């Protein structure tokens, strides 16, 4: 699961299902962003662009929720079972940053 990479970053080995789901979401978000750029390039009406931005933001939030849920169910649960209580502090710090 989590391993030390070069001593400076943790990494996470994801299941193929988790990986595919996250990449699928990111591909859709990337397409939405390209679409927004195209709308700006074609001088689309501002409210139309803003609606697409809202959709891209919602997609990013959904990606974040899925990633956070997977993190809690795998890494956090495993670390707590192994007595690594600092993982809870890390999770709380991450949640604080996300909720700004």
C-alpha atoms as a PDB file:
ATOM      1  CA  UNK A   1       0.000   0.000   0.000  1.00  0.00           C
ATOM      2  CA  UNK A   2       1.781   3.224   1.077  1.00  0.00           C
ATOM      3  CA  UNK A   3       5.500   3.015   0.536  1.00  0.00           C
ATOM      4  CA  UNK A   4       8.342   5.447   0.712  1.00  0.00           C
ATOM      5  CA  UNK A   5       9.268   6.506  -2.789  1.00  0.00           C
ATOM      6  CA  UNK A   6      12.501   8.497  -2.719  1.00  0.00           C
ATOM      7  CA  UNK A   7      12.229   9.231   0.993  1.00  0.00           C
ATOM      8  CA  UNK A   8      10.371  12.460   0.279  1.00  0.00           C
ATOM      9  CA  UNK A   9       6.884  11.319  -0.793  1.00  0.00           C
ATOM     10  CA  UNK A  10       4.422   8.632   0.160  1.00  0.00           C
ATOM     11  CA  UNK A  11       2.818   6.706  -2.654  1.00  0.00           C
ATOM     12  CA  UNK A  12      -0.390   4.689  -2.836  1.00  0.00           C
ATOM     13  CA  UNK A  13      -0.889   1.521  -4.808  1.00  0.00           C
ATOM     14  CA  UNK A  14      -4.464   1.674  -6.070  1.00  0.00           C
ATOM     15  CA  UNK A  15      -6.632  -1.179  -7.196  1.00  0.00           C
ATOM     16  CA  UNK A  16      -7.299  -1.244 -10.916  1.00  0.00           C
ATOM     17  CA  UNK A  17     -10.944  -0.336 -10.274  1.00  0.00           C
ATOM     18  CA  UNK A  18     -10.004   2.681  -8.144  1.00  0.00           C
ATOM     19  CA  UNK A  19      -7.371   3.786 -10.663  1.00  0.00           C
ATOM     20  CA  UNK A  20      -9.740   3.520 -13.628  1.00  0.00           C
ATOM     21  CA  UNK A  21     -12.499   5.399 -11.826  1.00  0.00           C
ATOM     22  CA  UNK A  22     -10.214   8.274 -10.845  1.00  0.00           C
ATOM     23  CA  UNK A  23      -8.634   8.509 -14.303  1.00  0.00           C
ATOM     24  CA  UNK A  24     -12.097   8.445 -15.914  1.00  0.00           C
ATOM     25  CA  UNK A  25     -13.199  11.367 -13.743  1.00  0.00           C
ATOM     26  CA  UNK A  26     -10.014  13.298 -14.518  1.00  0.00           C
ATOM     27  CA  UNK A  27     -10.423  12.710 -18.254  1.00  0.00           C
ATOM     28  CA  UNK A  28     -13.962  14.095 -18.084  1.00  0.00           C
ATOM     29  CA  UNK A  29     -12.777  17.123 -16.099  1.00  0.00           C
ATOM     30  CA  UNK A  30      -9.986  17.716 -18.585  1.00  0.00           C
ATOM     31  CA  UNK A  31     -12.542  17.650 -21.408  1.00  0.00           C
ATOM     32  CA  UNK A  32     -14.747  20.121 -19.540  1.00  0.00           C
ATOM     33  CA  UNK A  33     -11.809  22.503 -19.088  1.00  0.00           C
ATOM     34  CA  UNK A  34     -10.927  22.275 -22.791  1.00  0.00           C
ATOM     35  CA  UNK A  35     -14.578  22.996 -23.571  1.00  0.00           C
ATOM     36  CA  UNK A  36     -14.527  26.090 -21.374  1.00  0.00           C
ATOM     37  CA  UNK A  37     -11.387  27.331 -23.101  1.00  0.00           C
ATOM     38  CA  UNK A  38     -13.109  26.779 -26.444  1.00  0.00           C
ATOM     39  CA  UNK A  39     -16.100  28.784 -25.276  1.00  0.00           C
ATOM     40  CA  UNK A  40     -13.832  31.685 -24.298  1.00  0.00           C
ATOM     41  CA  UNK A  41     -12.002  31.455 -27.625  1.00  0.00           C
ATOM     42  CA  UNK A  42     -15.362  31.604 -29.448  1.00  0.00           C
ATOM     43  CA  UNK A  43     -16.545  34.556 -27.326  1.00  0.00           C
ATOM     44  CA  UNK A  44     -19.410  32.622 -25.756  1.00  0.00           C
ATOM     45  CA  UNK A  45     -21.859  34.469 -23.515  1.00  0.00           C
ATOM     46  CA  UNK A  46     -20.514  34.851 -19.958  1.00  0.00           C
ATOM     47  CA  UNK A  47     -23.374  33.078 -18.122  1.00  0.00           C
ATOM     48  CA  UNK A  48     -22.997  30.089 -20.451  1.00  0.00           C
ATOM     49  CA  UNK A  49     -19.297  29.869 -19.595  1.00  0.00           C
ATOM     50  CA  UNK A  50     -20.015  30.274 -15.895  1.00  0.00           C
ATOM     51  CA  UNK A  51     -22.456  27.345 -15.992  1.00  0.00           C
ATOM     52  CA  UNK A  52     -19.750  25.162 -17.513  1.00  0.00           C
ATOM     53  CA  UNK A  53     -17.264  26.342 -14.871  1.00  0.00           C
ATOM     54  CA  UNK A  54     -19.769  25.362 -12.182  1.00  0.00           C
ATOM     55  CA  UNK A  55     -20.085  21.914 -13.773  1.00  0.00           C
ATOM     56  CA  UNK A  56     -16.285  21.519 -13.831  1.00  0.00           C
ATOM     57  CA  UNK A  57     -16.085  22.593 -10.182  1.00  0.00           C
ATOM     58  CA  UNK A  58     -18.752  20.030  -9.263  1.00  0.00           C
ATOM     59  CA  UNK A  59     -16.787  17.354 -11.125  1.00  0.00           C
ATOM     60  CA  UNK A  60     -13.598  18.283  -9.233  1.00  0.00           C
ATOM     61  CA  UNK A  61     -15.486  18.117  -5.943  1.00  0.00           C
ATOM     62  CA  UNK A  62     -16.819  14.665  -6.851  1.00  0.00           C
ATOM     63  CA  UNK A  63     -13.260  13.556  -7.686  1.00  0.00           C
ATOM     64  CA  UNK A  64     -12.046  14.868  -4.317  1.00  0.00           C
ATOM     65  CA  UNK A  65     -14.850  13.113  -2.448  1.00  0.00           C
ATOM     66  CA  UNK A  66     -14.076   9.794  -4.130  1.00  0.00           C
ATOM     67  CA  UNK A  67     -10.352  10.138  -3.468  1.00  0.00           C
ATOM     68  CA  UNK A  68     -10.935  11.091   0.172  1.00  0.00           C
ATOM     69  CA  UNK A  69     -13.377   8.214   0.694  1.00  0.00           C
ATOM     70  CA  UNK A  70     -10.884   5.737  -0.756  1.00  0.00           C
ATOM     71  CA  UNK A  71      -8.106   7.200   1.399  1.00  0.00           C
ATOM     72  CA  UNK A  72     -10.129   6.847   4.597  1.00  0.00           C
ATOM     73  CA  UNK A  73     -11.308   3.309   3.788  1.00  0.00           C
ATOM     74  CA  UNK A  74      -7.811   2.079   2.924  1.00  0.00           C
ATOM     75  CA  UNK A  75      -4.849   4.088   4.201  1.00  0.00           C
ATOM     76  CA  UNK A  76      -6.410   5.628   7.299  1.00  0.00           C
ATOM     77  CA  UNK A  77      -8.103   2.420   8.472  1.00  0.00           C
ATOM     78  CA  UNK A  78      -4.924   0.401   7.889  1.00  0.00           C
ATOM     79  CA  UNK A  79      -2.714   2.896   9.711  1.00  0.00           C
ATOM     80  CA  UNK A  80      -5.065   3.119  12.703  1.00  0.00           C
ATOM     81  CA  UNK A  81      -5.122  -0.675  12.962  1.00  0.00           C
ATOM     82  CA  UNK A  82      -1.313  -0.595  12.903  1.00  0.00           C
ATOM     83  CA  UNK A  83      -1.236   1.956  15.716  1.00  0.00           C
ATOM     84  CA  UNK A  84      -0.149   4.881  13.541  1.00  0.00           C
ATOM     85  CA  UNK A  85      -2.266   7.527  15.227  1.00  0.00           C
ATOM     86  CA  UNK A  86      -0.431  10.339  13.399  1.00  0.00           C
ATOM     87  CA  UNK A  87      -2.475   9.401  10.335  1.00  0.00           C
ATOM     88  CA  UNK A  88      -5.555  10.825  12.051  1.00  0.00           C
ATOM     89  CA  UNK A  89      -3.711  14.122  12.579  1.00  0.00           C
ATOM     90  CA  UNK A  90      -2.723  14.094   8.907  1.00  0.00           C
ATOM     91  CA  UNK A  91      -6.354  13.473   7.896  1.00  0.00           C
ATOM     92  CA  UNK A  92      -7.612  16.296  10.119  1.00  0.00           C
ATOM     93  CA  UNK A  93      -5.006  18.686   8.665  1.00  0.00           C
ATOM     94  CA  UNK A  94      -6.032  17.681   5.144  1.00  0.00           C
ATOM     95  CA  UNK A  95      -9.728  18.214   5.914  1.00  0.00           C
ATOM     96  CA  UNK A  96      -8.966  21.662   7.353  1.00  0.00           C
ATOM     97  CA  UNK A  97      -7.191  22.625   4.125  1.00  0.00           C
ATOM     98  CA  UNK A  98     -10.057  21.292   2.009  1.00  0.00           C
ATOM     99  CA  UNK A  99     -12.670  23.221   4.006  1.00  0.00           C
ATOM    100  CA  UNK A 100     -11.107  26.677   3.669  1.00  0.00           C
END
